[in-house]
């Protein structure tokens, strides 16, 4: 199903309006009292109005890979790479190529030099099979002509040097077959391989988001992290990073006004975070949004969610307007595969980096996930359009329609996901699925838009809370996070009062 496009902030996705009306609505919302009951003191701490300091813009640098010397050896499989030092600082890396429908069969590895210590990291693998994320086949977003193939991005912390090597299947050390080419496979690499170096900058809302988190911190799933937490040596990003784009995090552009306005039905305009509500306030809000119900509502208390302004999204990067689907019938859980070395204080920087990588490097309209969760259990708004609305994401190829994507920041194939992150997934799904009357323990049917597991048009029976691998043949969300989805389902049902 093709999504519904609107650029009107804070209104129903089925409503159309002019730019002039949109700005009039934003002005009215900015002066209006809070829309939600129970916001109180914590809500005021999470809203706009107190300066958080100037934003430091981010940047993306794209460098072409070149054949490595060993490729000149007769019979050797293709291998490309790059070695650079003295670079402008970056914190996230990935490899992209021209054709999004071409897979990278082989191995991509990177090591980086710390900007703080000058020491090199060990070699780290980039997840090469990343085509399972993205817009559905035939969707306008996928057919834009800007979309590229890519590895998963990797968070490396503040770095100024990089060494990358990409080996086709059959090259020495590739795909776990040292020096031996797999039978019947031709060793090739995708065309147009480039290394992407992403600097997240520092968002204007980052300080405000931290302060808001401390104001409402209860030690549970909504906590930002321990007060005063800082990154390890070489991880914290300096404040004077170079940039190639002007800052766009203040509420001074149409895109920024629209992104904040999209949440104005449930929180103050310009909020750094949507504050949590207790059960009674959540049910009162549900009645206000949808009208009285003849039956008891099953909905979890609304959790605190850091908004795009809170994590410092540069709204000038994404495409204008929002795209919606009809409703939310299922939630797909992911891991970002960006590694687990980040600190909770760095989570906004990680999200800004993923956002840049999805938009500038991979050619998507916005960040693909609808929500993200860090290792401390803090929830973040993902794709713009309103956290209470059915925003069409680009997270589970073939099943983006009538679903939402929740990504836990990190890699959870062999690492155990933190309990706070699993609890946050349960709290979020209990609330968001409750808005649409859905039981987290139930099964549902979604129609495949096409993929490597189900053909286009097939009606597929899935768990309401599913892992990415349930809709597409992939390792995501990692073996150990996938094993926790049963816990998330039962906990979400309890939060809903079932």
Protein backbone atom coordinates (compact mmCIF):
# COMPACT_ATOMS: atom_id res chain seq x y z
CA UNK A 1 0.00 0.00 0.00
CA UNK A 2 1.29 3.42 -0.86
CA UNK A 3 1.63 5.71 2.14
CA UNK A 4 -0.33 8.89 2.71
CA UNK A 5 1.74 12.06 2.34
CA UNK A 6 1.13 15.24 4.27
CA UNK A 7 3.26 18.17 5.33
CA UNK A 8 0.74 19.46 7.86
CA UNK A 9 2.09 19.34 11.42
CA UNK A 10 -0.04 18.16 14.29
CA UNK A 11 -3.04 17.07 12.24
CA UNK A 12 -4.55 13.80 11.09
CA UNK A 13 -2.60 12.17 8.26
CA UNK A 14 -5.79 12.13 6.22
CA UNK A 15 -6.13 15.92 6.47
CA UNK A 16 -4.82 18.19 3.75
CA UNK A 17 -3.88 21.81 4.21
CA UNK A 18 -1.76 24.58 2.76
CA UNK A 19 1.64 25.72 3.96
CA UNK A 20 0.04 28.88 5.29
CA UNK A 21 -2.43 26.90 7.37
CA UNK A 22 0.39 24.67 8.63
CA UNK A 23 2.32 27.64 9.94
CA UNK A 24 -0.82 29.14 11.46
CA UNK A 25 -1.42 25.87 13.28
CA UNK A 26 2.14 25.82 14.59
CA UNK A 27 1.89 29.38 15.89
CA UNK A 28 -1.36 28.51 17.65
CA UNK A 29 0.11 25.34 19.13
CA UNK A 30 3.16 27.18 20.41
CA UNK A 31 0.93 29.47 22.47
CA UNK A 32 -1.55 26.83 23.56
CA UNK A 33 -1.59 25.08 26.94
CA UNK A 34 -0.27 21.49 27.15
CA UNK A 35 -2.47 18.98 25.34
CA UNK A 36 -1.84 16.12 27.76
CA UNK A 37 -3.09 15.66 31.26
CA UNK A 38 -0.53 14.77 33.86
CA UNK A 39 2.44 16.54 32.24
CA UNK A 40 3.18 18.66 35.25
CA UNK A 41 6.67 19.49 36.41
CA UNK A 42 8.48 16.78 34.46
CA UNK A 43 6.72 17.83 31.27
CA UNK A 44 7.79 21.45 31.69
CA UNK A 45 11.38 20.32 32.14
CA UNK A 46 11.20 18.47 28.85
CA UNK A 47 9.82 21.34 26.76
CA UNK A 48 11.36 24.11 24.74
CA UNK A 49 12.01 27.55 26.14
CA UNK A 50 15.41 27.25 27.81
CA UNK A 51 18.46 27.60 25.54
CA UNK A 52 20.58 24.48 25.26
CA UNK A 53 23.57 26.06 23.55
CA UNK A 54 24.42 26.34 19.85
CA UNK A 55 24.26 23.27 17.65
CA UNK A 56 27.44 21.94 16.09
CA UNK A 57 26.48 20.60 12.65
CA UNK A 58 27.49 17.18 11.47
CA UNK A 59 29.06 16.08 8.22
CA UNK A 60 29.39 13.11 5.89
CA UNK A 61 32.55 12.39 3.90
CA UNK A 62 32.47 9.82 1.09
CA UNK A 63 35.75 8.29 -0.13
CA UNK A 64 36.06 5.85 -3.06
CA UNK A 65 37.72 2.52 -2.38
CA UNK A 66 40.56 1.34 -4.62
CA UNK A 67 41.89 -2.12 -5.57
CA UNK A 68 44.43 -3.42 -3.08
CA UNK A 69 47.80 -4.70 -4.36
CA UNK A 70 47.03 -8.37 -3.77
CA UNK A 71 44.29 -8.21 -6.43
CA UNK A 72 47.03 -7.98 -9.03
CA UNK A 73 48.13 -11.51 -8.13
CA UNK A 74 46.89 -13.98 -10.75
CA UNK A 75 43.82 -15.86 -9.55
CA UNK A 76 43.26 -13.72 -6.46
CA UNK A 77 39.71 -12.65 -5.63
CA UNK A 78 38.83 -8.95 -5.79
CA UNK A 79 39.72 -6.83 -2.78
CA UNK A 80 39.36 -3.09 -2.32
CA UNK A 81 40.31 -0.81 0.51
CA UNK A 82 41.55 2.51 1.78
CA UNK A 83 44.04 3.76 4.40
CA UNK A 84 43.91 7.37 5.57
CA UNK A 85 45.17 9.33 8.56
CA UNK A 86 44.88 12.99 9.48
CA UNK A 87 41.20 13.06 8.58
CA UNK A 88 38.59 15.42 9.94
CA UNK A 89 37.05 13.68 12.94
CA UNK A 90 34.27 11.16 12.48
CA UNK A 91 32.50 8.66 14.75
CA UNK A 92 30.59 6.24 12.52
CA UNK A 93 31.65 4.36 9.38
CA UNK A 94 30.01 2.26 6.69
CA UNK A 95 30.51 1.11 3.10
CA UNK A 96 28.03 1.88 0.31
CA UNK A 97 27.77 0.95 -3.37
CA UNK A 98 25.74 1.93 -6.42
CA UNK A 99 23.00 -0.70 -6.80
CA UNK A 100 20.73 -1.34 -3.77
CA UNK A 101 19.63 -4.66 -5.31
CA UNK A 102 23.21 -5.99 -5.45
CA UNK A 103 24.47 -7.83 -2.37
CA UNK A 104 28.03 -7.74 -1.11
CA UNK A 105 29.12 -11.38 -0.97
CA UNK A 106 32.25 -11.30 1.11
CA UNK A 107 33.66 -9.52 4.12
CA UNK A 108 34.09 -5.85 5.04
CA UNK A 109 36.41 -4.92 7.90
CA UNK A 110 37.56 -1.64 9.37
CA UNK A 111 39.94 -0.37 11.99
CA UNK A 112 40.13 3.23 13.18
CA UNK A 113 42.56 5.53 14.96
CA UNK A 114 41.35 7.27 18.11
CA UNK A 115 41.36 11.06 17.85
CA UNK A 116 42.12 11.24 21.59
CA UNK A 117 44.93 8.71 22.00
CA UNK A 118 46.23 8.10 18.47
CA UNK A 119 45.92 4.35 19.03
CA UNK A 120 44.46 2.02 16.42
CA UNK A 121 41.56 -0.28 17.17
CA UNK A 122 41.53 -3.92 16.17
CA UNK A 123 39.81 -5.01 12.98
CA UNK A 124 36.01 -4.96 13.24
CA UNK A 125 33.48 -6.52 10.86
CA UNK A 126 30.77 -4.49 9.16
CA UNK A 127 27.52 -6.39 8.71
CA UNK A 128 27.38 -6.81 4.93
CA UNK A 129 23.82 -8.12 4.49
CA UNK A 130 21.89 -4.94 5.16
CA UNK A 131 19.39 -5.05 2.26
CA UNK A 132 16.72 -6.37 4.62
CA UNK A 133 16.27 -2.86 6.00
CA UNK A 134 14.62 -0.34 3.75
CA UNK A 135 11.47 0.70 1.93
CA UNK A 136 9.27 -1.93 0.30
CA UNK A 137 9.83 -2.85 -3.38
CA UNK A 138 7.92 -0.46 -5.60
CA UNK A 139 7.51 2.18 -2.88
CA UNK A 140 8.23 5.77 -3.89
CA UNK A 141 11.10 5.93 -1.41
CA UNK A 142 12.84 2.92 -2.94
CA UNK A 143 12.19 4.11 -6.50
CA UNK A 144 13.65 7.58 -5.98
CA UNK A 145 16.90 6.81 -7.85
CA UNK A 146 18.95 7.90 -4.84
CA UNK A 147 18.94 4.63 -2.88
CA UNK A 148 22.24 2.74 -2.58
CA UNK A 149 23.37 -0.62 -1.32
CA UNK A 150 25.18 -0.50 2.00
CA UNK A 151 26.65 -2.36 4.94
CA UNK A 152 25.26 -1.69 8.39
CA UNK A 153 26.97 1.36 9.93
CA UNK A 154 29.41 0.91 12.81
CA UNK A 155 29.92 3.32 15.72
CA UNK A 156 33.67 3.76 16.33
CA UNK A 157 33.82 6.87 18.53
CA UNK A 158 35.83 10.02 17.75
CA UNK A 159 38.46 9.00 15.20
CA UNK A 160 40.81 10.66 12.72
CA UNK A 161 42.25 7.69 10.85
CA UNK A 162 40.76 4.70 9.06
CA UNK A 163 41.85 1.47 7.40
CA UNK A 164 39.19 -0.50 5.51
CA UNK A 165 39.29 -3.64 3.40
CA UNK A 166 36.46 -5.28 1.47
CA UNK A 167 37.11 -8.81 0.21
CA UNK A 168 34.95 -10.74 -2.19
CA UNK A 169 33.90 -14.25 -1.31
CA UNK A 170 36.88 -16.49 -1.99
CA UNK A 171 39.58 -13.96 -1.04
CA UNK A 172 41.97 -14.92 1.74
CA UNK A 173 40.07 -14.67 5.02
CA UNK A 174 36.74 -13.79 3.43
CA UNK A 175 33.55 -15.47 4.61
CA UNK A 176 35.55 -17.68 6.95
CA UNK A 177 37.17 -19.67 4.10
CA UNK A 178 40.87 -18.70 4.24
CA UNK A 179 42.46 -18.72 0.82
CA UNK A 180 39.77 -20.91 -0.77
CA UNK A 181 37.06 -19.85 -3.17
CA UNK A 182 33.64 -21.34 -2.62
CA UNK A 183 32.75 -23.80 -5.35
CA UNK A 184 30.63 -22.40 -8.16
CA UNK A 185 30.81 -18.78 -6.96
CA UNK A 186 32.36 -16.02 -9.04
CA UNK A 187 34.28 -13.59 -6.86
CA UNK A 188 32.96 -10.10 -7.57
CA UNK A 189 32.41 -6.90 -5.63
CA UNK A 190 29.57 -4.41 -6.19
CA UNK A 191 30.46 -1.41 -8.33
CA UNK A 192 31.02 2.02 -6.83
CA UNK A 193 32.28 0.98 -3.40
CA UNK A 194 32.76 4.01 -1.13
CA UNK A 195 33.65 4.49 2.51
CA UNK A 196 31.29 6.78 4.43
CA UNK A 197 32.71 8.72 7.39
CA UNK A 198 29.99 10.32 9.52
CA UNK A 199 30.43 13.04 12.11
CA UNK A 200 27.22 13.45 14.15
CA UNK A 201 28.04 16.93 15.40
CA UNK A 202 26.28 18.05 18.57
CA UNK A 203 22.55 18.71 18.61
CA UNK A 204 21.04 21.88 20.03
CA UNK A 205 18.65 19.73 22.05
CA UNK A 206 21.23 17.31 23.44
CA UNK A 207 21.82 19.20 26.69
CA UNK A 208 18.10 19.81 27.05
CA UNK A 209 17.35 16.13 26.54
CA UNK A 210 19.86 15.14 29.25
CA UNK A 211 18.43 17.70 31.67
CA UNK A 212 14.88 16.55 30.91
CA UNK A 213 15.90 12.95 31.48
CA UNK A 214 17.41 13.74 34.86
CA UNK A 215 14.25 15.65 35.83
CA UNK A 216 11.99 12.66 35.26
CA UNK A 217 14.48 9.91 36.04
CA UNK A 218 13.03 7.16 38.19
CA UNK A 219 15.73 4.57 37.73
CA UNK A 220 13.52 2.47 35.46
CA UNK A 221 13.29 2.00 31.72
CA UNK A 222 12.95 5.73 31.09
CA UNK A 223 16.32 6.62 32.59
CA UNK A 224 18.89 8.32 30.41
CA UNK A 225 21.84 6.87 32.29
CA UNK A 226 23.81 7.54 35.40
CA UNK A 227 24.21 11.27 36.19
CA UNK A 228 27.55 12.53 35.00
CA UNK A 229 28.20 9.53 32.78
CA UNK A 230 30.83 10.21 30.15
CA UNK A 231 32.40 8.17 27.41
CA UNK A 232 35.64 6.28 27.76
CA UNK A 233 38.84 7.90 26.55
CA UNK A 234 38.65 8.46 22.82
CA UNK A 235 34.85 8.13 22.69
CA UNK A 236 33.55 11.55 23.72
CA UNK A 237 33.06 13.87 20.75
CA UNK A 238 34.84 17.26 20.90
CA UNK A 239 32.74 20.36 20.49
CA UNK A 240 34.67 21.98 17.64
CA UNK A 241 34.06 19.46 14.87
CA UNK A 242 34.29 20.61 11.24
CA UNK A 243 31.10 20.56 9.20
CA UNK A 244 29.81 20.64 5.66
CA UNK A 245 26.19 21.52 6.46
CA UNK A 246 24.72 24.48 8.40
CA UNK A 247 22.93 23.70 11.68
CA UNK A 248 19.21 23.02 11.34
CA UNK A 249 18.13 21.91 14.82
CA UNK A 250 16.53 25.16 15.99
CA UNK A 251 12.80 25.76 15.46
CA UNK A 252 13.45 28.25 12.68
CA UNK A 253 12.64 26.26 9.53
CA UNK A 254 9.48 24.80 8.06
CA UNK A 255 10.85 21.26 8.47
CA UNK A 256 11.73 21.76 12.14
CA UNK A 257 8.37 23.37 12.89
CA UNK A 258 6.55 20.52 11.15
CA UNK A 259 8.51 17.79 13.01
CA UNK A 260 7.68 19.33 16.39
CA UNK A 261 4.12 20.11 15.34
CA UNK A 262 3.50 16.46 14.49
CA UNK A 263 3.68 15.65 18.22
CA UNK A 264 1.67 18.66 19.39
CA UNK A 265 -1.45 16.53 19.86
CA UNK A 266 0.16 14.83 22.87
CA UNK A 267 2.82 17.23 24.21
CA UNK A 268 3.90 20.86 24.21
CA UNK A 269 5.14 22.23 20.91
CA UNK A 270 8.95 22.23 20.79
CA UNK A 271 9.35 19.57 23.51
CA UNK A 272 12.67 17.83 23.96
CA UNK A 273 10.74 14.79 25.19
CA UNK A 274 7.20 13.49 25.32
CA UNK A 275 6.70 13.00 29.08
CA UNK A 276 5.48 9.74 30.55
CA UNK A 277 1.93 9.46 31.85
CA UNK A 278 0.34 7.20 34.44
CA UNK A 279 -2.42 4.79 33.42
CA UNK A 280 -5.32 7.11 34.23
CA UNK A 281 -3.81 10.04 32.31
CA UNK A 282 -3.04 7.74 29.36
CA UNK A 283 -6.65 6.52 29.21
CA UNK A 284 -7.89 10.12 29.46
CA UNK A 285 -5.62 11.07 26.57
CA UNK A 286 -6.86 8.09 24.52
CA UNK A 287 -10.45 9.29 24.97
CA UNK A 288 -9.44 12.79 23.90
CA UNK A 289 -7.70 11.48 20.79
CA UNK A 290 -10.23 8.85 19.71
CA UNK A 291 -13.44 9.63 21.54
CA UNK A 292 -15.25 7.61 24.23
CA UNK A 293 -15.09 3.82 24.08
CA UNK A 294 -17.87 1.41 25.08
CA UNK A 295 -15.35 -1.12 26.35
CA UNK A 296 -12.41 -0.97 28.71
CA UNK A 297 -9.30 0.23 26.88
CA UNK A 298 -6.23 -1.99 27.02
CA UNK A 299 -3.32 0.41 26.75
CA UNK A 300 -0.04 0.69 28.61
CA UNK A 301 0.92 3.93 30.37
CA UNK A 302 2.62 6.22 27.89
CA UNK A 303 6.42 6.04 28.35
CA UNK A 304 8.77 8.99 28.09
CA UNK A 305 10.09 9.38 24.52
CA UNK A 306 12.92 11.74 23.54
CA UNK A 307 11.77 13.67 20.47
CA UNK A 308 13.76 14.38 17.34
CA UNK A 309 14.47 17.83 18.73
CA UNK A 310 15.67 16.16 21.90
CA UNK A 311 18.31 14.08 20.11
CA UNK A 312 19.25 16.94 17.82
CA UNK A 313 17.90 15.90 14.41
CA UNK A 314 18.91 18.19 11.56
CA UNK A 315 15.49 18.41 9.91
CA UNK A 316 16.97 19.88 6.71
CA UNK A 317 18.47 16.48 5.83
CA UNK A 318 15.22 14.52 5.41
CA UNK A 319 12.64 14.85 2.66
CA UNK A 320 9.77 17.25 3.27
CA UNK A 321 6.42 16.01 4.47
CA UNK A 322 5.43 12.81 6.25
CA UNK A 323 4.20 9.50 4.88
CA UNK A 324 1.64 7.45 6.81
CA UNK A 325 0.19 3.98 6.67
CA UNK A 326 -3.40 3.15 7.73
CA UNK A 327 -2.80 1.65 11.18
CA UNK A 328 -0.36 -0.26 13.35
CA UNK A 329 -1.00 -4.01 13.48
CA UNK A 330 2.50 -5.23 14.37
CA UNK A 331 5.85 -4.12 15.77
CA UNK A 332 9.13 -5.43 14.33
CA UNK A 333 12.09 -5.43 16.71
CA UNK A 334 15.58 -4.79 15.30
CA UNK A 335 19.12 -4.21 16.42
CA UNK A 336 21.10 -1.47 14.68
CA UNK A 337 24.25 -3.69 14.37
CA UNK A 338 26.34 -0.59 15.14
CA UNK A 339 28.26 -2.22 18.00
CA UNK A 340 27.97 -1.92 21.76
CA UNK A 341 30.87 0.42 22.61
CA UNK A 342 28.74 3.55 22.93
CA UNK A 343 27.79 5.03 26.30
CA UNK A 344 24.23 6.08 27.12
CA UNK A 345 25.32 9.72 27.05
CA UNK A 346 26.47 9.17 23.46
CA UNK A 347 23.18 7.64 22.30
CA UNK A 348 21.87 10.90 20.71
CA UNK A 349 25.13 11.14 18.73
CA UNK A 350 24.75 7.53 17.59
CA UNK A 351 21.18 8.22 16.44
CA UNK A 352 22.22 11.37 14.57
CA UNK A 353 24.93 9.31 12.87
CA UNK A 354 22.49 6.56 11.85
CA UNK A 355 20.08 9.24 10.61
CA UNK A 356 22.80 10.82 8.46
CA UNK A 357 23.90 7.43 7.16
CA UNK A 358 20.36 6.43 6.19
CA UNK A 359 19.64 9.75 4.45
CA UNK A 360 22.94 11.06 3.05
CA UNK A 361 24.75 7.77 2.43
CA UNK A 362 21.94 5.30 1.64
CA UNK A 363 19.55 7.76 0.01
CA UNK A 364 16.47 7.20 2.20
CA UNK A 365 13.88 9.93 2.90
CA UNK A 366 14.52 9.83 6.69
CA UNK A 367 15.88 7.49 9.33
CA UNK A 368 14.31 4.08 8.73
CA UNK A 369 13.20 3.10 12.25
CA UNK A 370 10.08 4.51 13.90
CA UNK A 371 11.64 4.30 17.37
CA UNK A 372 15.05 3.56 18.88
CA UNK A 373 16.06 2.32 22.34
CA UNK A 374 19.50 2.70 23.92
CA UNK A 375 21.20 0.28 26.32
CA UNK A 376 19.89 2.23 29.33
CA UNK A 377 16.29 1.87 28.17
CA UNK A 378 15.74 5.43 26.95
CA UNK A 379 13.23 5.63 24.09
CA UNK A 380 13.71 7.94 21.10
CA UNK A 381 11.45 9.11 18.31
CA UNK A 382 12.72 7.89 14.94
CA UNK A 383 11.15 8.75 11.59
CA UNK A 384 9.32 12.10 11.69
CA UNK A 385 5.54 12.36 11.62
CA UNK A 386 4.38 11.99 15.23
CA UNK A 387 5.02 9.26 17.79
CA UNK A 388 1.28 8.56 18.26
CA UNK A 389 0.61 8.33 14.51
CA UNK A 390 1.01 5.47 12.03
CA UNK A 391 4.18 6.72 10.34
CA UNK A 392 5.37 4.56 7.42
CA UNK A 393 8.94 3.47 8.15
CA UNK A 394 11.71 1.73 6.19
CA UNK A 395 12.77 -1.01 8.58
CA UNK A 396 11.47 -4.40 7.43
CA UNK A 397 11.61 -4.79 3.67
CA UNK A 398 8.27 -6.15 2.52
CA UNK A 399 6.38 -5.45 5.75
CA UNK A 400 6.56 -1.70 6.40
CA UNK A 401 2.85 -1.19 5.72
CA UNK A 402 0.67 -1.25 8.87
CA UNK A 403 3.66 -1.89 11.12
CA UNK A 404 6.27 -0.02 13.13
CA UNK A 405 9.99 -0.68 13.60
CA UNK A 406 11.73 -0.49 16.98
CA UNK A 407 15.54 -0.69 16.94
CA UNK A 408 17.64 -1.43 20.01
CA UNK A 409 20.95 0.39 19.54
CA UNK A 410 23.74 -2.19 19.51
CA UNK A 411 24.61 -5.66 18.22
CA UNK A 412 22.99 -8.62 19.94
CA UNK A 413 24.08 -11.75 18.13
CA UNK A 414 26.43 -12.83 20.93
CA UNK A 415 25.90 -10.01 23.43
CA UNK A 416 22.99 -10.14 25.86
CA UNK A 417 20.60 -7.19 25.50
CA UNK A 418 20.30 -5.08 28.68
CA UNK A 419 17.14 -5.70 30.70
CA UNK A 420 16.27 -2.01 30.61
CA UNK A 421 16.21 -2.05 26.81
CA UNK A 422 13.88 -5.07 26.70
CA UNK A 423 11.61 -3.40 29.29
CA UNK A 424 11.55 -0.23 27.18
CA UNK A 425 10.45 -2.21 24.12
CA UNK A 426 7.63 -3.72 26.20
CA UNK A 427 6.52 -0.33 27.55
CA UNK A 428 6.59 1.30 24.12
CA UNK A 429 4.65 -1.48 22.39
CA UNK A 430 2.10 -1.67 25.23
CA UNK A 431 1.29 1.99 24.63
CA UNK A 432 1.60 2.28 20.84
CA UNK A 433 -0.20 -0.99 20.06
CA UNK A 434 -2.82 0.00 22.64
CA UNK A 435 -3.60 3.12 20.62
CA UNK A 436 -4.76 0.75 17.87
CA UNK A 437 -6.48 -1.82 20.11
CA UNK A 438 -3.88 -4.54 19.51
CA UNK A 439 -2.94 -7.30 21.98
CA UNK A 440 0.89 -7.73 22.12
CA UNK A 441 0.50 -11.50 22.66
CA UNK A 442 -1.69 -12.02 19.61
CA UNK A 443 -1.07 -13.05 16.03
CA UNK A 444 -1.90 -10.85 13.07
CA UNK A 445 -1.82 -10.95 9.27
CA UNK A 446 0.28 -8.66 7.09
CA UNK A 447 0.50 -8.69 3.30
CA UNK A 448 4.04 -9.04 1.99
CA UNK A 449 5.33 -6.29 -0.28
CA UNK A 450 8.03 -8.67 -1.55
CA UNK A 451 11.22 -10.01 -0.05
CA UNK A 452 13.47 -13.05 0.24
CA UNK A 453 11.18 -14.94 2.63
CA UNK A 454 7.66 -14.23 1.33
CA UNK A 455 6.61 -13.28 -2.22
CA UNK A 456 4.72 -10.10 -2.91
CA UNK A 457 1.02 -10.38 -2.15
CA UNK A 458 1.25 -13.32 0.27
CA UNK A 459 -0.84 -12.93 3.43
CA UNK A 460 1.52 -13.85 6.28
CA UNK A 461 0.55 -14.76 9.86
CA UNK A 462 2.99 -13.17 12.32
CA UNK A 463 3.34 -12.43 16.01
CA UNK A 464 2.14 -8.91 16.79
CA UNK A 465 5.60 -8.34 18.30
CA UNK A 466 7.95 -9.99 15.81
CA UNK A 467 11.65 -9.93 15.15
CA UNK A 468 12.99 -8.60 11.88
CA UNK A 469 13.96 -12.17 10.91
CA UNK A 470 10.28 -13.20 11.02
CA UNK A 471 9.59 -11.11 7.92
CA UNK A 472 12.91 -11.41 6.11
CA UNK A 473 15.73 -13.98 6.11
CA UNK A 474 18.26 -12.09 8.24
CA UNK A 475 20.18 -12.39 11.51
CA UNK A 476 18.49 -9.23 12.85
CA UNK A 477 17.68 -8.55 15.69
CA UNK A 478 20.44 -10.88 16.79
CA UNK A 479 20.00 -14.29 18.40
CA UNK A 480 20.02 -13.07 22.00
CA UNK A 481 17.65 -10.14 21.50
CA UNK A 482 15.29 -12.34 19.51
CA UNK A 483 15.21 -14.76 22.45
CA UNK A 484 13.82 -11.95 24.63
CA UNK A 485 10.78 -11.19 22.48
CA UNK A 486 8.59 -13.61 24.41
CA UNK A 487 9.37 -11.64 27.57
CA UNK A 488 8.58 -8.40 25.76
CA UNK A 489 5.19 -9.76 24.61
CA UNK A 490 4.09 -10.93 28.04
CA UNK A 491 5.34 -7.77 29.76
CA UNK A 492 3.63 -5.53 27.22
CA UNK A 493 0.34 -7.37 27.78
CA UNK A 494 0.65 -6.84 31.53
CA UNK A 495 1.35 -3.14 31.02
CA UNK A 496 -1.89 -3.02 29.01
CA UNK A 497 -3.76 -4.58 31.94
CA UNK A 498 -4.44 -7.90 30.24
